[in-house]
Amino acid sequence: MKNYVLISAFAAVVLGGCAGTSANAPVDETDPCGAQGHTALLGSNIAAVTLPADLNDRVVGPDTIVTTDYVPDRLNIETNADGMIIGLSCG
């Protein structure tokens, strides 16, 4: 019985420390980079948009060489040859 009380108390302390912090907010597993929140960029020229300084992003043009590493919270901004934003994805 003592072990259950000790484990419960420990869990309450650990989980309680996470409450109320935005850094620990749940991440949408289907959209970890927040691409859905940037759909207004579609159809805009990449040179004309202002992105937040803290946004983890990369611009990928038709001839851009990119790494194949997967970074779930990175926003990939896909552009065509004219610099128009044609796609958004995470990775």
PDB file of N, CA and C in Angstrom:
ATOM      1  N   MET A   1       0.817  -1.197   0.000  1.00  0.00           N
ATOM      2  CA  MET A   1       0.000   0.000   0.000  1.00  0.00           C
ATOM      3  C   MET A   1       0.856   1.254   0.000  1.00  0.00           C
ATOM      4  N   LYS A   2       1.976   1.220   0.750  1.00  0.00           N
ATOM      5  CA  LYS A   2       2.865   2.371   0.797  1.00  0.00           C
ATOM      6  C   LYS A   2       3.414   2.697  -0.589  1.00  0.00           C
ATOM      7  N   ASN A   3       3.727   1.659  -1.368  1.00  0.00           N
ATOM      8  CA  ASN A   3       4.271   1.877  -2.701  1.00  0.00           C
ATOM      9  C   ASN A   3       3.281   2.591  -3.609  1.00  0.00           C
ATOM     10  N   TYR A   4       2.007   2.244  -3.515  1.00  0.00           N
ATOM     11  CA  TYR A   4       1.002   2.896  -4.349  1.00  0.00           C
ATOM     12  C   TYR A   4       0.861   4.376  -3.986  1.00  0.00           C
ATOM     13  N   VAL A   5       0.911   4.681  -2.707  1.00  0.00           N
ATOM     14  CA  VAL A   5       0.814   6.068  -2.260  1.00  0.00           C
ATOM     15  C   VAL A   5       2.034   6.849  -2.724  1.00  0.00           C
ATOM     16  N   LEU A   6       3.214   6.250  -2.597  1.00  0.00           N
ATOM     17  CA  LEU A   6       4.448   6.895  -3.015  1.00  0.00           C
ATOM     18  C   LEU A   6       4.456   7.138  -4.525  1.00  0.00           C
ATOM     19  N   ILE A   7       4.046   6.144  -5.286  1.00  0.00           N
ATOM     20  CA  ILE A   7       3.995   6.285  -6.749  1.00  0.00           C
ATOM     21  C   ILE A   7       2.973   7.347  -7.144  1.00  0.00           C
ATOM     22  N   SER A   8       1.820   7.354  -6.500  1.00  0.00           N
ATOM     23  CA  SER A   8       0.793   8.345  -6.808  1.00  0.00           C
ATOM     24  C   SER A   8       1.277   9.753  -6.485  1.00  0.00           C
ATOM     25  N   ALA A   9       1.953   9.909  -5.362  1.00  0.00           N
ATOM     26  CA  ALA A   9       2.466  11.222  -4.976  1.00  0.00           C
ATOM     27  C   ALA A   9       3.526  11.689  -5.959  1.00  0.00           C
ATOM     28  N   PHE A  10       4.406  10.781  -6.366  1.00  0.00           N
ATOM     29  CA  PHE A  10       5.446  11.123  -7.331  1.00  0.00           C
ATOM     30  C   PHE A  10       4.829  11.535  -8.667  1.00  0.00           C
ATOM     31  N   ALA A  11       3.850  10.780  -9.131  1.00  0.00           N
ATOM     32  CA  ALA A  11       3.185  11.095 -10.401  1.00  0.00           C
ATOM     33  C   ALA A  11       2.493  12.442 -10.330  1.00  0.00           C
ATOM     34  N   ALA A  12       1.875  12.750  -9.213  1.00  0.00           N
ATOM     35  CA  ALA A  12       1.188  14.036  -9.063  1.00  0.00           C
ATOM     36  C   ALA A  12       2.172  15.195  -9.124  1.00  0.00           C
ATOM     37  N   VAL A  13       3.332  15.032  -8.506  1.00  0.00           N
ATOM     38  CA  VAL A  13       4.347  16.088  -8.528  1.00  0.00           C
ATOM     39  C   VAL A  13       4.892  16.276  -9.943  1.00  0.00           C
ATOM     40  N   VAL A  14       5.229  15.170 -10.599  1.00  0.00           N
ATOM     41  CA  VAL A  14       5.786  15.247 -11.947  1.00  0.00           C
ATOM     42  C   VAL A  14       4.776  15.829 -12.925  1.00  0.00           C
ATOM     43  N   LEU A  15       3.561  15.335 -12.915  1.00  0.00           N
ATOM     44  CA  LEU A  15       2.545  15.819 -13.847  1.00  0.00           C
ATOM     45  C   LEU A  15       2.079  17.216 -13.488  1.00  0.00           C
ATOM     46  N   GLY A  16       2.075  17.540 -12.228  1.00  0.00           N
ATOM     47  CA  GLY A  16       1.674  18.884 -11.808  1.00  0.00           C
ATOM     48  C   GLY A  16       2.634  19.941 -12.296  1.00  0.00           C
ATOM     49  N   GLY A  17       3.899  19.601 -12.431  1.00  0.00           N
ATOM     50  CA  GLY A  17       4.884  20.542 -12.941  1.00  0.00           C
ATOM     51  C   GLY A  17       4.661  20.897 -14.396  1.00  0.00           C
ATOM     52  N   CYS A  18       3.924  20.069 -15.112  1.00  0.00           N
ATOM     53  CA  CYS A  18       3.661  20.312 -16.528  1.00  0.00           C
ATOM     54  C   CYS A  18       2.425  21.170 -16.745  1.00  0.00           C
ATOM     55  N   ALA A  19       1.613  21.316 -15.769  1.00  0.00           N
ATOM     56  CA  ALA A  19       0.341  22.023 -15.939  1.00  0.00           C
ATOM     57  C   ALA A  19       0.567  23.497 -16.198  1.00  0.00           C
ATOM     58  N   GLY A  20      -0.175  24.031 -17.141  1.00  0.00           N
ATOM     59  CA  GLY A  20      -0.182  25.461 -17.385  1.00  0.00           C
ATOM     60  C   GLY A  20       0.980  26.003 -18.193  1.00  0.00           C
ATOM     61  N   THR A  21       1.818  25.162 -18.762  1.00  0.00           N
ATOM     62  CA  THR A  21       2.919  25.673 -19.559  1.00  0.00           C
ATOM     63  C   THR A  21       2.619  25.444 -21.028  1.00  0.00           C
ATOM     64  N   SER A  22       2.789  26.484 -21.829  1.00  0.00           N
ATOM     65  CA  SER A  22       2.502  26.356 -23.255  1.00  0.00           C
ATOM     66  C   SER A  22       3.556  25.512 -23.960  1.00  0.00           C
ATOM     67  N   ALA A  23       4.772  25.451 -23.415  1.00  0.00           N
ATOM     68  CA  ALA A  23       5.814  24.641 -24.039  1.00  0.00           C
ATOM     69  C   ALA A  23       5.447  23.163 -24.016  1.00  0.00           C
ATOM     70  N   ASN A  24       4.612  22.773 -23.071  1.00  0.00           N
ATOM     71  CA  ASN A  24       4.210  21.378 -22.978  1.00  0.00           C
ATOM     72  C   ASN A  24       2.815  21.157 -23.534  1.00  0.00           C
ATOM     73  N   ALA A  25       2.318  22.103 -24.313  1.00  0.00           N
ATOM     74  CA  ALA A  25       0.987  21.968 -24.888  1.00  0.00           C
ATOM     75  C   ALA A  25       0.979  20.776 -25.836  1.00  0.00           C
ATOM     76  N   PRO A  26      -0.133  20.076 -25.916  1.00  0.00           N
ATOM     77  CA  PRO A  26      -0.189  18.917 -26.804  1.00  0.00           C
ATOM     78  C   PRO A  26       0.034  19.319 -28.256  1.00  0.00           C
ATOM     79  N   VAL A  27       0.774  18.491 -28.965  1.00  0.00           N
ATOM     80  CA  VAL A  27       1.065  18.729 -30.375  1.00  0.00           C
ATOM     81  C   VAL A  27       0.097  17.913 -31.203  1.00  0.00           C
ATOM     82  N   ASP A  28      -0.487  18.547 -32.209  1.00  0.00           N
ATOM     83  CA  ASP A  28      -1.378  17.843 -33.125  1.00  0.00           C
ATOM     84  C   ASP A  28      -0.529  16.880 -33.947  1.00  0.00           C
ATOM     85  N   GLU A  29      -0.698  15.603 -33.726  1.00  0.00           N
ATOM     86  CA  GLU A  29       0.113  14.594 -34.404  1.00  0.00           C
ATOM     87  C   GLU A  29      -0.056  14.640 -35.920  1.00  0.00           C
ATOM     88  N   THR A  30      -1.188  15.136 -36.412  1.00  0.00           N
ATOM     89  CA  THR A  30      -1.409  15.191 -37.855  1.00  0.00           C
ATOM     90  C   THR A  30      -0.858  16.475 -38.459  1.00  0.00           C
ATOM     91  N   ASP A  31      -0.498  17.451 -37.625  1.00  0.00           N
ATOM     92  CA  ASP A  31       0.017  18.736 -38.108  1.00  0.00           C
ATOM     93  C   ASP A  31       0.998  19.324 -37.085  1.00  0.00           C
ATOM     94  N   PRO A  32       2.123  18.637 -36.824  1.00  0.00           N
ATOM     95  CA  PRO A  32       3.024  19.077 -35.763  1.00  0.00           C
ATOM     96  C   PRO A  32       3.731  20.402 -36.034  1.00  0.00           C
ATOM     97  N   CYS A  33       3.786  20.841 -37.290  1.00  0.00           N
ATOM     98  CA  CYS A  33       4.458  22.100 -37.605  1.00  0.00           C
ATOM     99  C   CYS A  33       3.483  23.259 -37.735  1.00  0.00           C
ATOM    100  N   GLY A  34       2.192  22.997 -37.649  1.00  0.00           N
ATOM    101  CA  GLY A  34       1.192  24.048 -37.744  1.00  0.00           C
ATOM    102  C   GLY A  34       0.930  24.526 -39.157  1.00  0.00           C
ATOM    103  N   ALA A  35       1.120  23.662 -40.132  1.00  0.00           N
ATOM    104  CA  ALA A  35       0.922  24.040 -41.538  1.00  0.00           C
ATOM    105  C   ALA A  35      -0.488  24.568 -41.790  1.00  0.00           C
ATOM    106  N   GLN A  36      -1.481  23.989 -41.128  1.00  0.00           N
ATOM    107  CA  GLN A  36      -2.866  24.428 -41.335  1.00  0.00           C
ATOM    108  C   GLN A  36      -3.057  25.892 -40.939  1.00  0.00           C
ATOM    109  N   GLY A  37      -2.263  26.370 -40.013  1.00  0.00           N
ATOM    110  CA  GLY A  37      -2.367  27.760 -39.596  1.00  0.00           C
ATOM    111  C   GLY A  37      -1.729  28.741 -40.563  1.00  0.00           C
ATOM    112  N   HIS A  38      -1.036  28.228 -41.566  1.00  0.00           N
ATOM    113  CA  HIS A  38      -0.353  29.085 -42.539  1.00  0.00           C
ATOM    114  C   HIS A  38      -0.944  28.961 -43.942  1.00  0.00           C
ATOM    115  N   THR A  39      -2.123  28.384 -44.081  1.00  0.00           N
ATOM    116  CA  THR A  39      -2.694  28.178 -45.412  1.00  0.00           C
ATOM    117  C   THR A  39      -2.990  29.481 -46.148  1.00  0.00           C
ATOM    118  N   ALA A  40      -3.080  30.578 -45.431  1.00  0.00           N
ATOM    119  CA  ALA A  40      -3.300  31.873 -46.086  1.00  0.00           C
ATOM    120  C   ALA A  40      -2.117  32.262 -46.972  1.00  0.00           C
ATOM    121  N   LEU A  41      -0.972  31.639 -46.762  1.00  0.00           N
ATOM    122  CA  LEU A  41       0.212  31.927 -47.582  1.00  0.00           C
ATOM    123  C   LEU A  41       0.110  31.343 -48.984  1.00  0.00           C
ATOM    124  N   LEU A  42      -0.710  30.316 -49.154  1.00  0.00           N
ATOM    125  CA  LEU A  42      -0.831  29.674 -50.465  1.00  0.00           C
ATOM    126  C   LEU A  42      -1.246  30.696 -51.521  1.00  0.00           C
ATOM    127  N   GLY A  43      -0.510  30.708 -52.625  1.00  0.00           N
ATOM    128  CA  GLY A  43      -0.793  31.632 -53.712  1.00  0.00           C
ATOM    129  C   GLY A  43      -0.038  32.941 -53.596  1.00  0.00           C
ATOM    130  N   SER A  44       0.643  33.179 -52.478  1.00  0.00           N
ATOM    131  CA  SER A  44       1.440  34.400 -52.292  1.00  0.00           C
ATOM    132  C   SER A  44       2.844  34.180 -52.810  1.00  0.00           C
ATOM    133  N   ASN A  45       3.524  35.271 -53.142  1.00  0.00           N
ATOM    134  CA  ASN A  45       4.914  35.183 -53.528  1.00  0.00           C
ATOM    135  C   ASN A  45       5.755  35.138 -52.264  1.00  0.00           C
ATOM    136  N   ILE A  46       6.717  34.241 -52.199  1.00  0.00           N
ATOM    137  CA  ILE A  46       7.529  34.070 -51.002  1.00  0.00           C
ATOM    138  C   ILE A  46       8.288  35.348 -50.653  1.00  0.00           C
ATOM    139  N   ALA A  47       8.622  36.155 -51.642  1.00  0.00           N
ATOM    140  CA  ALA A  47       9.345  37.406 -51.397  1.00  0.00           C
ATOM    141  C   ALA A  47       8.469  38.455 -50.724  1.00  0.00           C
ATOM    142  N   ALA A  48       7.161  38.279 -50.789  1.00  0.00           N
ATOM    143  CA  ALA A  48       6.241  39.286 -50.251  1.00  0.00           C
ATOM    144  C   ALA A  48       5.681  38.927 -48.880  1.00  0.00           C
ATOM    145  N   VAL A  49       6.027  37.762 -48.347  1.00  0.00           N
ATOM    146  CA  VAL A  49       5.468  37.357 -47.056  1.00  0.00           C
ATOM    147  C   VAL A  49       6.480  37.578 -45.941  1.00  0.00           C
ATOM    148  N   THR A  50       5.959  37.847 -44.772  1.00  0.00           N
ATOM    149  CA  THR A  50       6.789  37.978 -43.574  1.00  0.00           C
ATOM    150  C   THR A  50       6.439  36.830 -42.648  1.00  0.00           C
ATOM    151  N   LEU A  51       7.441  36.058 -42.296  1.00  0.00           N
ATOM    152  CA  LEU A  51       7.251  34.901 -41.425  1.00  0.00           C
ATOM    153  C   LEU A  51       7.796  35.214 -40.043  1.00  0.00           C
ATOM    154  N   PRO A  52       7.229  34.625 -39.009  1.00  0.00           N
ATOM    155  CA  PRO A  52       7.748  34.854 -37.657  1.00  0.00           C
ATOM    156  C   PRO A  52       9.214  34.432 -37.554  1.00  0.00           C
ATOM    157  N   ALA A  53       9.999  35.201 -36.828  1.00  0.00           N
ATOM    158  CA  ALA A  53      11.427  34.922 -36.700  1.00  0.00           C
ATOM    159  C   ALA A  53      11.696  33.578 -36.036  1.00  0.00           C
ATOM    160  N   ASP A  54      10.808  33.144 -35.158  1.00  0.00           N
ATOM    161  CA  ASP A  54      11.033  31.891 -34.450  1.00  0.00           C
ATOM    162  C   ASP A  54      10.426  30.679 -35.152  1.00  0.00           C
ATOM    163  N   LEU A  55       9.909  30.862 -36.360  1.00  0.00           N
ATOM    164  CA  LEU A  55       9.313  29.758 -37.106  1.00  0.00           C
ATOM    165  C   LEU A  55      10.406  28.851 -37.654  1.00  0.00           C
ATOM    166  N   ASN A  56      10.300  27.569 -37.396  1.00  0.00           N
ATOM    167  CA  ASN A  56      11.229  26.583 -37.938  1.00  0.00           C
ATOM    168  C   ASN A  56      10.720  26.224 -39.331  1.00  0.00           C
ATOM    169  N   ASP A  57      11.310  26.820 -40.353  1.00  0.00           N
ATOM    170  CA  ASP A  57      10.813  26.618 -41.708  1.00  0.00           C
ATOM    171  C   ASP A  57      11.959  26.477 -42.699  1.00  0.00           C
ATOM    172  N   ARG A  58      11.621  25.988 -43.879  1.00  0.00           N
ATOM    173  CA  ARG A  58      12.543  26.017 -45.006  1.00  0.00           C
ATOM    174  C   ARG A  58      11.729  26.194 -46.270  1.00  0.00           C
ATOM    175  N   VAL A  59      12.287  26.973 -47.175  1.00  0.00           N
ATOM    176  CA  VAL A  59      11.637  27.235 -48.459  1.00  0.00           C
ATOM    177  C   VAL A  59      12.244  26.273 -49.472  1.00  0.00           C
ATOM    178  N   VAL A  60      11.365  25.545 -50.164  1.00  0.00           N
ATOM    179  CA  VAL A  60      11.797  24.536 -51.119  1.00  0.00           C
ATOM    180  C   VAL A  60      11.267  24.904 -52.494  1.00  0.00           C
ATOM    181  N   GLY A  61      12.167  25.301 -53.365  1.00  0.00           N
ATOM    182  CA  GLY A  61      11.803  25.615 -54.742  1.00  0.00           C
ATOM    183  C   GLY A  61      11.928  24.394 -55.619  1.00  0.00           C
ATOM    184  N   PRO A  62      11.581  24.525 -56.900  1.00  0.00           N
ATOM    185  CA  PRO A  62      11.601  23.362 -57.796  1.00  0.00           C
ATOM    186  C   PRO A  62      12.998  22.777 -58.000  1.00  0.00           C
ATOM    187  N   ASP A  63      14.043  23.573 -57.856  1.00  0.00           N
ATOM    188  CA  ASP A  63      15.407  23.085 -58.060  1.00  0.00           C
ATOM    189  C   ASP A  63      16.220  23.090 -56.764  1.00  0.00           C
ATOM    190  N   THR A  64      15.544  23.203 -55.630  1.00  0.00           N
ATOM    191  CA  THR A  64      16.233  23.246 -54.347  1.00  0.00           C
ATOM    192  C   THR A  64      16.621  21.843 -53.904  1.00  0.00           C
ATOM    193  N   ILE A  65      17.867  21.696 -53.508  1.00  0.00           N
ATOM    194  CA  ILE A  65      18.334  20.430 -52.952  1.00  0.00           C
ATOM    195  C   ILE A  65      18.091  20.493 -51.451  1.00  0.00           C
ATOM    196  N   VAL A  66      17.402  19.493 -50.913  1.00  0.00           N
ATOM    197  CA  VAL A  66      17.093  19.476 -49.484  1.00  0.00           C
ATOM    198  C   VAL A  66      17.593  18.177 -48.861  1.00  0.00           C
ATOM    199  N   THR A  67      17.808  18.228 -47.562  1.00  0.00           N
ATOM    200  CA  THR A  67      18.191  17.030 -46.835  1.00  0.00           C
ATOM    201  C   THR A  67      16.967  16.139 -46.679  1.00  0.00           C
ATOM    202  N   THR A  68      17.200  14.887 -46.400  1.00  0.00           N
ATOM    203  CA  THR A  68      16.085  13.951 -46.251  1.00  0.00           C
ATOM    204  C   THR A  68      15.733  13.699 -44.791  1.00  0.00           C
ATOM    205  N   ASP A  69      16.356  14.462 -43.886  1.00  0.00           N
ATOM    206  CA  ASP A  69      16.009  14.287 -42.475  1.00  0.00           C
ATOM    207  C   ASP A  69      14.590  14.773 -42.234  1.00  0.00           C
ATOM    208  N   TYR A  70      13.917  14.117 -41.322  1.00  0.00           N
ATOM    209  CA  TYR A  70      12.536  14.485 -41.005  1.00  0.00           C
ATOM    210  C   TYR A  70      12.512  15.213 -39.671  1.00  0.00           C
ATOM    211  N   VAL A  71      12.074  16.460 -39.713  1.00  0.00           N
ATOM    212  CA  VAL A  71      11.935  17.276 -38.507  1.00  0.00           C
ATOM    213  C   VAL A  71      10.447  17.610 -38.392  1.00  0.00           C
ATOM    214  N   PRO A  72       9.720  16.928 -37.520  1.00  0.00           N
ATOM    215  CA  PRO A  72       8.262  17.054 -37.476  1.00  0.00           C
ATOM    216  C   PRO A  72       7.747  18.483 -37.319  1.00  0.00           C
ATOM    217  N   ASP A  73       8.456  19.320 -36.553  1.00  0.00           N
ATOM    218  CA  ASP A  73       7.941  20.669 -36.313  1.00  0.00           C
ATOM    219  C   ASP A  73       8.456  21.693 -37.322  1.00  0.00           C
ATOM    220  N   ARG A  74       9.141  21.247 -38.376  1.00  0.00           N
ATOM    221  CA  ARG A  74       9.630  22.160 -39.411  1.00  0.00           C
ATOM    222  C   ARG A  74       8.568  22.318 -40.500  1.00  0.00           C
ATOM    223  N   LEU A  75       8.276  23.563 -40.855  1.00  0.00           N
ATOM    224  CA  LEU A  75       7.321  23.867 -41.919  1.00  0.00           C
ATOM    225  C   LEU A  75       8.071  23.976 -43.236  1.00  0.00           C
ATOM    226  N   ASN A  76       7.736  23.106 -44.176  1.00  0.00           N
ATOM    227  CA  ASN A  76       8.288  23.183 -45.529  1.00  0.00           C
ATOM    228  C   ASN A  76       7.356  24.035 -46.368  1.00  0.00           C
ATOM    229  N   ILE A  77       7.903  25.076 -46.950  1.00  0.00           N
ATOM    230  CA  ILE A  77       7.127  25.972 -47.808  1.00  0.00           C
ATOM    231  C   ILE A  77       7.583  25.712 -49.238  1.00  0.00           C
ATOM    232  N   GLU A  78       6.715  25.110 -50.019  1.00  0.00           N
ATOM    233  CA  GLU A  78       7.057  24.744 -51.389  1.00  0.00           C
ATOM    234  C   GLU A  78       6.662  25.860 -52.348  1.00  0.00           C
ATOM    235  N   THR A  79       7.585  26.230 -53.235  1.00  0.00           N
ATOM    236  CA  THR A  79       7.322  27.297 -54.198  1.00  0.00           C
ATOM    237  C   THR A  79       7.538  26.779 -55.621  1.00  0.00           C
ATOM    238  N   ASN A  80       6.919  27.485 -56.563  1.00  0.00           N
ATOM    239  CA  ASN A  80       7.166  27.147 -57.968  1.00  0.00           C
ATOM    240  C   ASN A  80       8.306  28.032 -58.486  1.00  0.00           C
ATOM    241  N   ALA A  81       8.601  27.934 -59.765  1.00  0.00           N
ATOM    242  CA  ALA A  81       9.713  28.683 -60.355  1.00  0.00           C
ATOM    243  C   ALA A  81       9.527  30.197 -60.254  1.00  0.00           C
ATOM    244  N   ASP A  82       8.288  30.660 -60.124  1.00  0.00           N
ATOM    245  CA  ASP A  82       8.022  32.091 -60.018  1.00  0.00           C
ATOM    246  C   ASP A  82       8.032  32.589 -58.568  1.00  0.00           C
ATOM    247  N   GLY A  83       8.292  31.679 -57.610  1.00  0.00           N
ATOM    248  CA  GLY A  83       8.315  32.059 -56.200  1.00  0.00           C
ATOM    249  C   GLY A  83       6.953  32.047 -55.528  1.00  0.00           C
ATOM    250  N   MET A  84       5.940  31.552 -56.235  1.00  0.00           N
ATOM    251  CA  MET A  84       4.608  31.467 -55.646  1.00  0.00           C
ATOM    252  C   MET A  84       4.535  30.252 -54.725  1.00  0.00           C
ATOM    253  N   ILE A  85       3.943  30.428 -53.554  1.00  0.00           N
ATOM    254  CA  ILE A  85       3.804  29.340 -52.595  1.00  0.00           C
ATOM    255  C   ILE A  85       2.706  28.394 -53.078  1.00  0.00           C
ATOM    256  N   ILE A  86       3.092  27.145 -53.314  1.00  0.00           N
ATOM    257  CA  ILE A  86       2.140  26.173 -53.864  1.00  0.00           C
ATOM    258  C   ILE A  86       1.843  25.022 -52.904  1.00  0.00           C
ATOM    259  N   GLY A  87       2.592  24.932 -51.808  1.00  0.00           N
ATOM    260  CA  GLY A  87       2.348  23.840 -50.875  1.00  0.00           C
ATOM    261  C   GLY A  87       2.992  24.062 -49.520  1.00  0.00           C
ATOM    262  N   LEU A  88       2.405  23.473 -48.512  1.00  0.00           N
ATOM    263  CA  LEU A  88       2.908  23.529 -47.143  1.00  0.00           C
ATOM    264  C   LEU A  88       2.871  22.114 -46.578  1.00  0.00           C
ATOM    265  N   SER A  89       3.941  21.730 -45.911  1.00  0.00           N
ATOM    266  CA  SER A  89       3.973  20.409 -45.296  1.00  0.00           C
ATOM    267  C   SER A  89       4.919  20.425 -44.106  1.00  0.00           C
ATOM    268  N   CYS A  90       4.791  19.436 -43.272  1.00  0.00           N
ATOM    269  CA  CYS A  90       5.679  19.293 -42.124  1.00  0.00           C
ATOM    270  C   CYS A  90       6.816  18.356 -42.487  1.00  0.00           C
ATOM    271  N   GLY A  91       7.957  18.587 -41.911  1.00  0.00           N
ATOM    272  CA  GLY A  91       9.077  17.682 -42.112  1.00  0.00           C
ATOM    273  C   GLY A  91      10.315  18.420 -42.332  1.00  0.00           C
TER     274      GLY A  91
END
